[in-house]
Protein backbone atom coordinates (compact mmCIF):
# COMPACT_ATOMS: atom_id res chain seq x y z
CA MET A 1 24.63 10.77 38.14
CA THR A 2 24.53 8.82 41.41
CA ASP A 3 27.90 7.29 40.62
CA GLU A 4 29.38 10.80 40.39
CA LEU A 5 28.18 11.65 43.96
CA ALA A 6 30.15 10.86 47.11
CA VAL A 7 27.18 12.11 49.21
CA ARG A 8 23.50 12.26 48.40
CA VAL A 9 21.01 13.29 51.09
CA ARG A 10 17.27 13.87 50.53
CA GLY A 11 14.72 14.93 53.11
CA LEU A 12 16.90 14.24 56.21
CA HIS A 13 15.23 14.37 59.55
CA LYS A 14 16.52 13.98 63.11
CA ARG A 15 14.69 14.98 66.22
CA TYR A 16 15.82 15.08 69.88
CA GLY A 17 12.66 15.16 71.99
CA ASP A 18 10.91 18.41 70.92
CA LYS A 19 13.87 19.70 69.13
CA HIS A 20 13.92 19.17 65.34
CA ALA A 21 17.73 19.33 64.84
CA VAL A 22 17.61 18.45 61.18
CA ASP A 23 14.35 19.30 59.32
CA GLY A 24 14.16 18.03 55.74
CA LEU A 25 17.80 18.77 54.69
CA ASP A 26 19.07 18.11 51.13
CA LEU A 27 22.76 17.87 50.40
CA GLU A 28 25.07 16.60 47.68
CA VAL A 29 28.86 16.29 47.39
CA ALA A 30 30.39 15.23 44.10
CA ARG A 31 33.47 13.11 43.86
CA GLY A 32 36.48 15.43 43.76
CA GLU A 33 34.53 18.32 45.17
CA ILE A 34 35.03 20.46 48.39
CA VAL A 35 31.80 21.50 49.96
CA ALA A 36 31.86 23.78 52.94
CA VAL A 37 28.81 23.56 55.38
CA LEU A 38 28.25 26.89 57.08
CA GLY A 39 25.81 27.80 59.84
CA PRO A 40 25.41 29.06 63.43
CA ASN A 41 25.79 26.78 66.46
CA GLY A 42 22.73 24.64 66.78
CA ALA A 43 21.83 24.80 63.04
CA GLY A 44 22.10 21.01 62.57
CA LYS A 45 25.55 20.75 60.94
CA THR A 46 27.16 18.38 63.46
CA THR A 47 24.10 16.09 63.59
CA THR A 48 23.99 15.95 59.78
CA VAL A 49 27.76 15.11 59.55
CA GLU A 50 27.54 12.44 62.27
CA ILE A 51 24.64 10.81 60.40
CA LEU A 52 26.76 10.79 57.19
CA GLU A 53 29.74 9.26 59.11
CA GLY A 54 27.57 6.51 60.40
CA TYR A 55 27.76 7.55 64.04
CA ARG A 56 24.20 8.56 64.39
CA HIS A 57 20.88 7.17 63.13
CA ARG A 58 18.41 9.35 61.31
CA ASP A 59 14.67 9.52 61.82
CA ALA A 60 13.69 9.88 58.17
CA GLY A 61 15.20 10.61 54.77
CA GLU A 62 17.47 9.05 52.25
CA VAL A 63 21.22 9.01 52.74
CA THR A 64 23.86 7.55 50.42
CA VAL A 65 27.56 7.91 51.15
CA LEU A 66 29.98 6.35 48.62
CA GLY A 67 27.09 4.28 47.35
CA GLN A 68 25.92 2.92 50.68
CA ASP A 69 23.68 3.76 53.62
CA PRO A 70 25.94 4.73 56.45
CA GLN A 71 23.37 3.40 58.93
CA THR A 72 24.01 -0.15 57.68
CA ALA A 73 27.36 0.07 55.87
CA GLY A 74 30.14 -2.22 57.08
CA ARG A 75 33.91 -2.20 57.77
CA ASP A 76 34.96 -2.06 54.15
CA TRP A 77 32.94 1.10 53.59
CA ARG A 78 34.40 2.74 56.76
CA ALA A 79 37.90 2.13 55.41
CA ARG A 80 36.95 4.44 52.46
CA ILE A 81 36.31 7.53 54.50
CA GLY A 82 38.40 9.72 56.69
CA ILE A 83 37.31 11.71 59.62
CA VAL A 84 39.05 14.75 61.39
CA LEU A 85 37.06 15.48 64.50
CA GLN A 86 36.94 18.91 65.98
CA SER A 87 39.06 17.85 68.92
CA SER A 88 40.90 14.82 70.30
CA SER A 89 43.18 14.00 73.21
CA ASP A 90 43.63 10.29 73.28
CA LEU A 91 46.90 8.32 72.87
CA ASP A 92 48.94 11.27 74.21
CA GLU A 93 51.86 8.94 75.07
CA ALA A 94 52.46 7.78 71.47
CA THR A 95 54.71 9.76 69.15
CA VAL A 96 53.62 11.29 65.78
CA THR A 97 55.53 8.62 63.90
CA GLU A 98 54.01 5.75 66.01
CA LEU A 99 50.50 6.96 65.61
CA VAL A 100 50.59 7.64 61.85
CA HIS A 101 52.27 4.26 61.16
CA HIS A 102 49.80 2.45 63.39
CA TRP A 103 46.76 4.16 61.82
CA ALA A 104 48.02 3.13 58.37
CA THR A 105 47.67 -0.58 59.32
CA PHE A 106 43.92 -0.14 59.63
CA TYR A 107 43.56 0.45 55.92
CA PRO A 108 43.89 -1.80 52.92
CA ARG A 109 45.55 0.87 50.70
CA PRO A 110 47.17 3.56 53.01
CA ARG A 111 49.43 6.37 51.94
CA ASP A 112 53.06 6.27 52.87
CA PRO A 113 53.05 7.28 56.55
CA GLU A 114 56.35 9.15 56.15
CA GLN A 115 54.93 11.11 53.26
CA VAL A 116 51.86 12.06 55.29
CA ILE A 117 53.93 13.33 58.13
CA ASP A 118 55.78 15.56 55.71
CA ALA A 119 52.54 16.67 54.01
CA VAL A 120 51.00 18.02 57.36
CA GLY A 121 54.25 19.70 58.34
CA LEU A 122 55.12 17.59 61.31
CA ARG A 123 58.55 16.17 60.25
CA GLU A 124 60.42 18.18 62.97
CA LYS A 125 57.95 16.75 65.52
CA ALA A 126 57.94 13.21 64.27
CA LYS A 127 59.45 11.82 67.43
CA THR A 128 57.39 13.98 69.77
CA ARG A 129 54.58 12.50 71.87
CA ALA A 130 51.18 13.68 70.90
CA GLY A 131 50.47 15.03 74.38
CA ALA A 132 53.49 17.41 74.10
CA LEU A 133 52.28 18.93 70.72
CA SER A 134 50.89 22.43 70.59
CA GLY A 135 47.20 22.89 69.78
CA GLY A 136 47.90 23.64 66.05
CA GLN A 137 50.36 20.75 65.79
CA ARG A 138 47.81 18.34 67.35
CA ARG A 139 45.27 19.40 64.66
CA ARG A 140 47.94 18.56 61.99
CA LEU A 141 48.31 15.14 63.55
CA ASP A 142 44.54 14.70 63.45
CA VAL A 143 44.56 15.62 59.80
CA ALA A 144 47.40 13.08 59.18
CA LEU A 145 45.35 10.37 60.90
CA GLY A 146 42.36 11.30 58.77
CA ILE A 147 44.21 11.14 55.42
CA VAL A 148 46.60 8.23 55.85
CA GLY A 149 44.10 5.69 54.73
CA SER A 150 43.70 7.36 51.23
CA PRO A 151 40.02 8.10 51.79
CA GLU A 152 37.66 8.61 48.97
CA LEU A 153 35.71 11.01 51.14
CA LEU A 154 37.15 13.18 53.92
CA PHE A 155 35.12 14.80 56.78
CA LEU A 156 36.77 17.87 58.30
CA ASP A 157 35.24 19.39 61.38
CA GLU A 158 36.75 22.80 62.13
CA PRO A 159 40.14 21.50 60.99
CA THR A 160 42.24 24.63 61.43
CA THR A 161 41.33 25.64 64.94
CA GLY A 162 44.42 26.64 66.70
CA PHE A 163 46.43 27.13 63.51
CA ASP A 164 48.52 30.30 63.00
CA PRO A 165 48.05 32.05 59.62
CA GLU A 166 51.07 30.40 58.03
CA ALA A 167 49.98 26.91 59.09
CA ARG A 168 46.41 27.50 57.94
CA ARG A 169 47.66 28.44 54.42
CA ALA A 170 49.94 25.33 54.30
CA PHE A 171 46.88 23.25 55.31
CA TRP A 172 44.82 24.79 52.57
CA GLU A 173 47.34 23.74 50.06
CA LEU A 174 47.29 20.22 51.39
CA ILE A 175 43.46 19.99 51.18
CA ALA A 176 43.38 21.49 47.66
CA GLY A 177 45.93 18.81 46.62
CA LEU A 178 43.70 16.10 47.97
CA ARG A 179 40.80 17.49 46.01
CA ASP A 180 42.93 17.52 42.89
CA ASP A 181 43.72 13.84 43.43
CA GLY A 182 39.92 13.08 43.45
CA THR A 183 39.14 13.11 47.19
CA ALA A 184 35.70 14.49 48.01
CA ILE A 185 35.77 16.69 51.07
CA LEU A 186 33.00 17.81 53.33
CA LEU A 187 34.23 20.67 55.54
CA THR A 188 32.50 22.40 58.41
CA THR A 189 34.13 25.66 59.54
CA HIS A 190 33.35 29.02 61.22
CA TYR A 191 36.19 30.60 59.21
CA LEU A 192 34.41 32.14 56.17
CA ASP A 193 37.74 33.06 54.54
CA GLU A 194 38.56 29.28 54.76
CA ALA A 195 35.38 28.38 53.04
CA GLU A 196 35.99 30.99 50.35
CA GLN A 197 39.57 29.85 49.75
CA LEU A 198 38.85 26.01 49.69
CA ALA A 199 35.21 25.31 48.72
CA ASP A 200 33.91 24.67 45.32
CA ARG A 201 30.45 25.10 46.83
CA ALA A 202 29.18 26.54 50.17
CA VAL A 203 26.01 25.23 51.81
CA VAL A 204 24.41 27.52 54.46
CA VAL A 205 22.38 25.63 57.03
CA SER A 206 20.01 27.30 59.49
CA ASP A 207 17.35 25.74 61.79
CA GLY A 208 18.04 22.28 60.34
CA ARG A 209 17.51 23.28 56.64
CA VAL A 210 19.64 24.46 53.81
CA VAL A 211 18.87 28.08 53.12
CA ALA A 212 21.32 28.63 50.26
CA THR A 213 23.96 26.79 48.25
CA GLY A 214 26.39 27.85 45.53
CA ALA A 215 29.93 28.80 44.75
CA PRO A 216 31.23 31.14 47.49
CA ALA A 217 31.50 33.88 44.88
CA ASP A 218 27.87 33.57 43.86
CA LEU A 219 26.20 32.61 47.11
CA GLY A 220 22.98 34.50 47.77
CA ASP A 221 23.33 36.29 44.43
CA ARG A 222 26.48 37.96 45.83
CA ASN A 223 27.71 39.21 42.44
CA ALA A 224 24.28 40.75 41.74
CA ARG A 225 24.00 42.77 45.02
CA GLN A 226 24.68 46.42 45.15
CA ALA A 227 28.22 47.68 45.44
CA MET A 228 29.32 50.29 47.89
CA VAL A 229 31.35 53.18 46.43
CA ARG A 230 33.19 55.27 49.05
CA TRP A 231 35.27 58.54 48.67
CA VAL A 232 36.31 61.70 50.49
CA GLU A 233 34.82 65.07 49.48
CA ASP A 234 35.19 68.47 51.19
CA GLY A 235 36.90 66.63 54.06
CA GLU A 236 33.91 64.37 54.71
CA HIS A 237 33.55 60.65 54.02
CA ARG A 238 30.86 59.93 51.42
CA GLU A 239 29.32 56.57 50.36
CA VAL A 240 26.67 55.41 48.01
CA ARG A 241 25.20 51.99 47.28
CA THR A 242 24.65 51.29 43.55
CA ASP A 243 24.06 48.73 40.93
CA THR A 244 26.32 50.70 38.58
CA PRO A 245 29.57 51.39 40.44
CA THR A 246 31.50 52.09 37.18
CA ALA A 247 29.03 54.88 36.38
CA VAL A 248 29.46 56.40 39.82
CA VAL A 249 33.28 56.25 39.62
CA ALA A 250 33.13 57.78 36.08
CA GLU A 251 31.04 60.65 37.40
CA LEU A 252 33.39 61.25 40.32
CA ALA A 253 36.35 61.17 37.90
CA GLY A 254 34.77 64.09 36.01
CA ARG A 255 34.91 66.09 39.31
CA PHE A 256 38.34 65.12 40.65
CA THR A 257 41.76 64.67 39.06
CA GLU A 258 42.37 61.91 41.58
CA ILE A 259 39.33 60.71 43.62
CA PRO A 260 40.32 61.00 47.21
CA GLY A 261 39.86 57.76 49.39
CA LEU A 262 38.18 55.82 46.55
CA GLN A 263 36.87 52.42 47.47
CA VAL A 264 34.55 50.20 45.52
CA LEU A 265 33.39 47.32 47.71
CA ARG A 266 31.25 44.20 46.92
CA PRO A 267 29.47 42.31 49.68
CA THR A 268 31.80 39.90 51.41
CA LEU A 269 30.95 36.22 51.99
CA GLU A 270 30.42 37.18 55.68
CA ASP A 271 27.92 39.83 54.63
CA ILE A 272 25.94 37.30 52.54
CA TYR A 273 26.18 34.63 55.18
CA LEU A 274 24.81 36.89 57.93
CA SER A 275 21.98 38.12 55.78
CA LEU A 276 21.00 34.56 54.90
CA VAL A 277 21.00 33.41 58.50
CA ASP A 278 19.36 36.61 59.83
CA ALA A 279 16.59 36.23 57.20
CA LYS A 280 15.91 32.65 58.29
CA GLU A 281 15.92 33.62 61.90
CA SER A 282 13.47 36.47 61.30
CA VAL A 283 10.77 34.17 59.91
CA ARG A 284 10.94 31.53 62.68
């Protein structure tokens, strides 16, 4: 089972003075799986990811990433991971082509740099200096530098910040393709629709601990929660929460030829996320 895991974390702890940033967190990411880590600011997401990337030491707990402890792993291990940070502004004078080709030389088995430039949608900006790119284009370049080394595990920190809707969907297709090729991906994002679109599993972190994990469609017993049935009757908007929405609609159909303003709504991922985080906060 361990060989099938790209990431395995047990009882992770990290403290900054009196602040317990990570408090006994457990996490797994299988090879070829996309896991989205969700949580409010200060929940411990960034600290956890930095420990997994080998940039920060933990106080306690077991951490294995691609079979090694990031705290002691060497250069060969680092060549097997890709990292897309939340923001970057270095090397602004180099062009897209220069940067992607240069980054490829750092890895033993890189992807074709020209194919990577095409994959992230920067062909028309290939000769443009990084400092002249728009915010969304710079994020695409960051992704290109993160994937050019053919990583077995890719860390993505808020990867589509600054993307327009069309660019975000193109990026989603790219990430799904990497997963299909066997790359494990750990994604942190504040865009819940992004997590729902991409992730095989979502992990909700609050106050340094995992409070829920599961497929986005099932998170927090989402499918088992009550539905909301809405309609218009006598000029007024009506609604009812129910475990049996089909029965409610059938009853309404017996009273109307066409049910005015009918809506049957299940809880969204945002509804579930907020309820999980609010529940955790309420017991602190």
